[in-house]
Amino acid sequence: MWRKSSKSADASQCVEVRHDLAAVRDSKNPEVVVSLERRALAQLTAFARGRR
């Protein structure tokens, strides 16, 4: 199961996060999945929010 930000509404240009928080994918190209450790995902989201 994948989820995307509630702020993205119906936009198709989103990054989706897998339910176990161990992978992300581009909603335009869902076949490509990038596996991440939870710590790396936390760092990525902090960077995206501007909280480096």
PDB file of N, CA and C in Angstrom:
ATOM      1  N   MET A   1       0.840  -1.178   0.000  1.00  0.00           N
ATOM      2  CA  MET A   1       0.000   0.000   0.000  1.00  0.00           C
ATOM      3  C   MET A   1       0.889   1.245   0.000  1.00  0.00           C
ATOM      4  N   TRP A   2       0.512   2.216  -0.791  1.00  0.00           N
ATOM      5  CA  TRP A   2       1.267   3.453  -0.937  1.00  0.00           C
ATOM      6  C   TRP A   2       0.396   4.630  -0.515  1.00  0.00           C
ATOM      7  N   ARG A   3       1.047   5.688  -0.034  1.00  0.00           N
ATOM      8  CA  ARG A   3       0.291   6.888   0.325  1.00  0.00           C
ATOM      9  C   ARG A   3       1.058   8.118  -0.133  1.00  0.00           C
ATOM     10  N   LYS A   4       0.301   9.171  -0.393  1.00  0.00           N
ATOM     11  CA  LYS A   4       0.924  10.430  -0.772  1.00  0.00           C
ATOM     12  C   LYS A   4       0.381  11.532   0.129  1.00  0.00           C
ATOM     13  N   SER A   5       1.035  12.638   0.116  1.00  0.00           N
ATOM     14  CA  SER A   5       0.666  13.746   0.974  1.00  0.00           C
ATOM     15  C   SER A   5      -0.777  14.168   0.747  1.00  0.00           C
ATOM     16  N   SER A   6      -1.460  14.480   1.827  1.00  0.00           N
ATOM     17  CA  SER A   6      -2.828  14.977   1.703  1.00  0.00           C
ATOM     18  C   SER A   6      -2.836  16.352   1.038  1.00  0.00           C
ATOM     19  N   LYS A   7      -1.708  17.039   1.051  1.00  0.00           N
ATOM     20  CA  LYS A   7      -1.610  18.357   0.427  1.00  0.00           C
ATOM     21  C   LYS A   7      -1.478  18.261  -1.082  1.00  0.00           C
ATOM     22  N   SER A   8      -1.262  17.078  -1.605  1.00  0.00           N
ATOM     23  CA  SER A   8      -1.094  16.923  -3.047  1.00  0.00           C
ATOM     24  C   SER A   8      -2.421  16.862  -3.785  1.00  0.00           C
ATOM     25  N   ALA A   9      -3.507  16.687  -3.052  1.00  0.00           N
ATOM     26  CA  ALA A   9      -4.855  16.598  -3.637  1.00  0.00           C
ATOM     27  C   ALA A   9      -4.875  15.527  -4.719  1.00  0.00           C
ATOM     28  N   ASP A  10      -5.310  15.885  -5.913  1.00  0.00           N
ATOM     29  CA  ASP A  10      -5.385  14.910  -7.007  1.00  0.00           C
ATOM     30  C   ASP A  10      -4.217  15.042  -7.981  1.00  0.00           C
ATOM     31  N   ALA A  11      -3.210  15.773  -7.587  1.00  0.00           N
ATOM     32  CA  ALA A  11      -2.053  15.955  -8.472  1.00  0.00           C
ATOM     33  C   ALA A  11      -1.368  14.619  -8.732  1.00  0.00           C
ATOM     34  N   SER A  12      -0.864  14.464  -9.942  1.00  0.00           N
ATOM     35  CA  SER A  12      -0.196  13.199 -10.278  1.00  0.00           C
ATOM     36  C   SER A  12       1.317  13.299 -10.150  1.00  0.00           C
ATOM     37  N   GLN A  13       1.834  14.464  -9.830  1.00  0.00           N
ATOM     38  CA  GLN A  13       3.280  14.650  -9.716  1.00  0.00           C
ATOM     39  C   GLN A  13       3.673  14.643  -8.249  1.00  0.00           C
ATOM     40  N   CYS A  14       3.640  13.472  -7.668  1.00  0.00           N
ATOM     41  CA  CYS A  14       3.871  13.336  -6.241  1.00  0.00           C
ATOM     42  C   CYS A  14       4.874  12.216  -5.960  1.00  0.00           C
ATOM     43  N   VAL A  15       5.472  12.313  -4.814  1.00  0.00           N
ATOM     44  CA  VAL A  15       6.282  11.221  -4.303  1.00  0.00           C
ATOM     45  C   VAL A  15       5.403  10.458  -3.328  1.00  0.00           C
ATOM     46  N   GLU A  16       5.319   9.162  -3.491  1.00  0.00           N
ATOM     47  CA  GLU A  16       4.514   8.324  -2.619  1.00  0.00           C
ATOM     48  C   GLU A  16       5.421   7.530  -1.689  1.00  0.00           C
ATOM     49  N   VAL A  17       4.923   7.256  -0.495  1.00  0.00           N
ATOM     50  CA  VAL A  17       5.672   6.517   0.514  1.00  0.00           C
ATOM     51  C   VAL A  17       4.958   5.195   0.764  1.00  0.00           C
ATOM     52  N   ARG A  18       5.736   4.116   0.817  1.00  0.00           N
ATOM     53  CA  ARG A  18       5.148   2.802   1.104  1.00  0.00           C
ATOM     54  C   ARG A  18       4.728   2.744   2.563  1.00  0.00           C
ATOM     55  N   HIS A  19       3.707   1.979   2.859  1.00  0.00           N
ATOM     56  CA  HIS A  19       3.117   1.918   4.199  1.00  0.00           C
ATOM     57  C   HIS A  19       4.121   1.556   5.293  1.00  0.00           C
ATOM     58  N   ASP A  20       5.151   0.791   4.975  1.00  0.00           N
ATOM     59  CA  ASP A  20       6.133   0.409   5.996  1.00  0.00           C
ATOM     60  C   ASP A  20       7.283   1.411   6.110  1.00  0.00           C
ATOM     61  N   LEU A  21       7.171   2.518   5.347  1.00  0.00           N
ATOM     62  CA  LEU A  21       8.161   3.609   5.359  1.00  0.00           C
ATOM     63  C   LEU A  21       9.550   3.163   4.909  1.00  0.00           C
ATOM     64  N   ALA A  22       9.617   2.129   4.091  1.00  0.00           N
ATOM     65  CA  ALA A  22      10.903   1.600   3.637  1.00  0.00           C
ATOM     66  C   ALA A  22      11.160   1.834   2.155  1.00  0.00           C
ATOM     67  N   ALA A  23      10.264   2.587   1.487  1.00  0.00           N
ATOM     68  CA  ALA A  23      10.455   2.839   0.063  1.00  0.00           C
ATOM     69  C   ALA A  23       9.632   4.045  -0.371  1.00  0.00           C
ATOM     70  N   VAL A  24      10.086   4.672  -1.449  1.00  0.00           N
ATOM     71  CA  VAL A  24       9.361   5.775  -2.075  1.00  0.00           C
ATOM     72  C   VAL A  24       9.289   5.517  -3.572  1.00  0.00           C
ATOM     73  N   ARG A  25       8.351   6.187  -4.225  1.00  0.00           N
ATOM     74  CA  ARG A  25       8.234   6.102  -5.676  1.00  0.00           C
ATOM     75  C   ARG A  25       7.591   7.374  -6.209  1.00  0.00           C
ATOM     76  N   ASP A  26       7.767   7.600  -7.490  1.00  0.00           N
ATOM     77  CA  ASP A  26       7.174   8.732  -8.181  1.00  0.00           C
ATOM     78  C   ASP A  26       5.802   8.291  -8.692  1.00  0.00           C
ATOM     79  N   SER A  27       4.768   9.059  -8.407  1.00  0.00           N
ATOM     80  CA  SER A  27       3.431   8.646  -8.823  1.00  0.00           C
ATOM     81  C   SER A  27       3.277   8.601 -10.339  1.00  0.00           C
ATOM     82  N   LYS A  28       4.121   9.332 -11.085  1.00  0.00           N
ATOM     83  CA  LYS A  28       4.069   9.291 -12.546  1.00  0.00           C
ATOM     84  C   LYS A  28       4.746   8.050 -13.106  1.00  0.00           C
ATOM     85  N   ASN A  29       5.621   7.427 -12.315  1.00  0.00           N
ATOM     86  CA  ASN A  29       6.385   6.271 -12.768  1.00  0.00           C
ATOM     87  C   ASN A  29       6.447   5.239 -11.634  1.00  0.00           C
ATOM     88  N   PRO A  30       5.309   4.658 -11.276  1.00  0.00           N
ATOM     89  CA  PRO A  30       5.243   3.788 -10.091  1.00  0.00           C
ATOM     90  C   PRO A  30       6.006   2.471 -10.191  1.00  0.00           C
ATOM     91  N   GLU A  31       6.484   2.131 -11.383  1.00  0.00           N
ATOM     92  CA  GLU A  31       7.250   0.885 -11.510  1.00  0.00           C
ATOM     93  C   GLU A  31       8.624   0.990 -10.853  1.00  0.00           C
ATOM     94  N   VAL A  32       9.129   2.216 -10.741  1.00  0.00           N
ATOM     95  CA  VAL A  32      10.456   2.444 -10.163  1.00  0.00           C
ATOM     96  C   VAL A  32      10.296   2.735  -8.678  1.00  0.00           C
ATOM     97  N   VAL A  33      10.831   1.846  -7.857  1.00  0.00           N
ATOM     98  CA  VAL A  33      10.719   1.969  -6.402  1.00  0.00           C
ATOM     99  C   VAL A  33      12.116   2.119  -5.819  1.00  0.00           C
ATOM    100  N   VAL A  34      12.285   3.089  -4.938  1.00  0.00           N
ATOM    101  CA  VAL A  34      13.567   3.314  -4.280  1.00  0.00           C
ATOM    102  C   VAL A  34      13.434   2.872  -2.828  1.00  0.00           C
ATOM    103  N   SER A  35      14.188   1.860  -2.449  1.00  0.00           N
ATOM    104  CA  SER A  35      14.168   1.368  -1.070  1.00  0.00           C
ATOM    105  C   SER A  35      15.039   2.264  -0.201  1.00  0.00           C
ATOM    106  N   LEU A  36      14.567   2.548   1.001  1.00  0.00           N
ATOM    107  CA  LEU A  36      15.273   3.409   1.946  1.00  0.00           C
ATOM    108  C   LEU A  36      15.206   2.830   3.348  1.00  0.00           C
ATOM    109  N   GLU A  37      16.181   3.168   4.158  1.00  0.00           N
ATOM    110  CA  GLU A  37      16.066   2.882   5.577  1.00  0.00           C
ATOM    111  C   GLU A  37      15.198   3.983   6.187  1.00  0.00           C
ATOM    112  N   ARG A  38      14.531   3.681   7.281  1.00  0.00           N
ATOM    113  CA  ARG A  38      13.651   4.671   7.903  1.00  0.00           C
ATOM    114  C   ARG A  38      14.376   5.966   8.251  1.00  0.00           C
ATOM    115  N   ARG A  39      15.612   5.851   8.702  1.00  0.00           N
ATOM    116  CA  ARG A  39      16.375   7.052   9.046  1.00  0.00           C
ATOM    117  C   ARG A  39      16.604   7.919   7.809  1.00  0.00           C
ATOM    118  N   ALA A  40      16.912   7.289   6.688  1.00  0.00           N
ATOM    119  CA  ALA A  40      17.123   8.027   5.446  1.00  0.00           C
ATOM    120  C   ALA A  40      15.840   8.715   5.003  1.00  0.00           C
ATOM    121  N   LEU A  41      14.705   8.043   5.163  1.00  0.00           N
ATOM    122  CA  LEU A  41      13.427   8.654   4.815  1.00  0.00           C
ATOM    123  C   LEU A  41      13.141   9.846   5.724  1.00  0.00           C
ATOM    124  N   ALA A  42      13.433   9.723   6.998  1.00  0.00           N
ATOM    125  CA  ALA A  42      13.236  10.838   7.929  1.00  0.00           C
ATOM    126  C   ALA A  42      14.102  12.031   7.535  1.00  0.00           C
ATOM    127  N   GLN A  43      15.338  11.770   7.125  1.00  0.00           N
ATOM    128  CA  GLN A  43      16.229  12.842   6.683  1.00  0.00           C
ATOM    129  C   GLN A  43      15.718  13.478   5.392  1.00  0.00           C
ATOM    130  N   LEU A  44      15.226  12.665   4.480  1.00  0.00           N
ATOM    131  CA  LEU A  44      14.689  13.174   3.227  1.00  0.00           C
ATOM    132  C   LEU A  44      13.479  14.074   3.471  1.00  0.00           C
ATOM    133  N   THR A  45      12.560  13.647   4.312  1.00  0.00           N
ATOM    134  CA  THR A  45      11.374  14.460   4.573  1.00  0.00           C
ATOM    135  C   THR A  45      11.733  15.737   5.335  1.00  0.00           C
ATOM    136  N   ALA A  46      12.687  15.664   6.241  1.00  0.00           N
ATOM    137  CA  ALA A  46      13.130  16.874   6.956  1.00  0.00           C
ATOM    138  C   ALA A  46      13.731  17.869   5.963  1.00  0.00           C
ATOM    139  N   PHE A  47      14.526  17.372   5.023  1.00  0.00           N
ATOM    140  CA  PHE A  47      15.125  18.236   3.999  1.00  0.00           C
ATOM    141  C   PHE A  47      14.026  18.872   3.148  1.00  0.00           C
ATOM    142  N   ALA A  48      13.049  18.084   2.733  1.00  0.00           N
ATOM    143  CA  ALA A  48      11.970  18.586   1.895  1.00  0.00           C
ATOM    144  C   ALA A  48      11.138  19.640   2.618  1.00  0.00           C
ATOM    145  N   ARG A  49      11.028  19.527   3.904  1.00  0.00           N
ATOM    146  CA  ARG A  49      10.283  20.496   4.710  1.00  0.00           C
ATOM    147  C   ARG A  49      11.124  21.719   5.071  1.00  0.00           C
ATOM    148  N   GLY A  50      12.398  21.685   4.712  1.00  0.00           N
ATOM    149  CA  GLY A  50      13.268  22.815   4.990  1.00  0.00           C
ATOM    150  C   GLY A  50      13.879  22.807   6.366  1.00  0.00           C
ATOM    151  N   ARG A  51      13.901  21.640   7.016  1.00  0.00           N
ATOM    152  CA  ARG A  51      14.429  21.507   8.371  1.00  0.00           C
ATOM    153  C   ARG A  51      15.745  20.751   8.373  1.00  0.00           C
ATOM    154  N   ARG A  52      16.534  20.876   7.411  1.00  0.00           N
ATOM    155  CA  ARG A  52      17.802  20.160   7.256  1.00  0.00           C
ATOM    156  C   ARG A  52      18.376  19.852   8.566  1.00  0.00           C
TER     157      ARG A  52
END
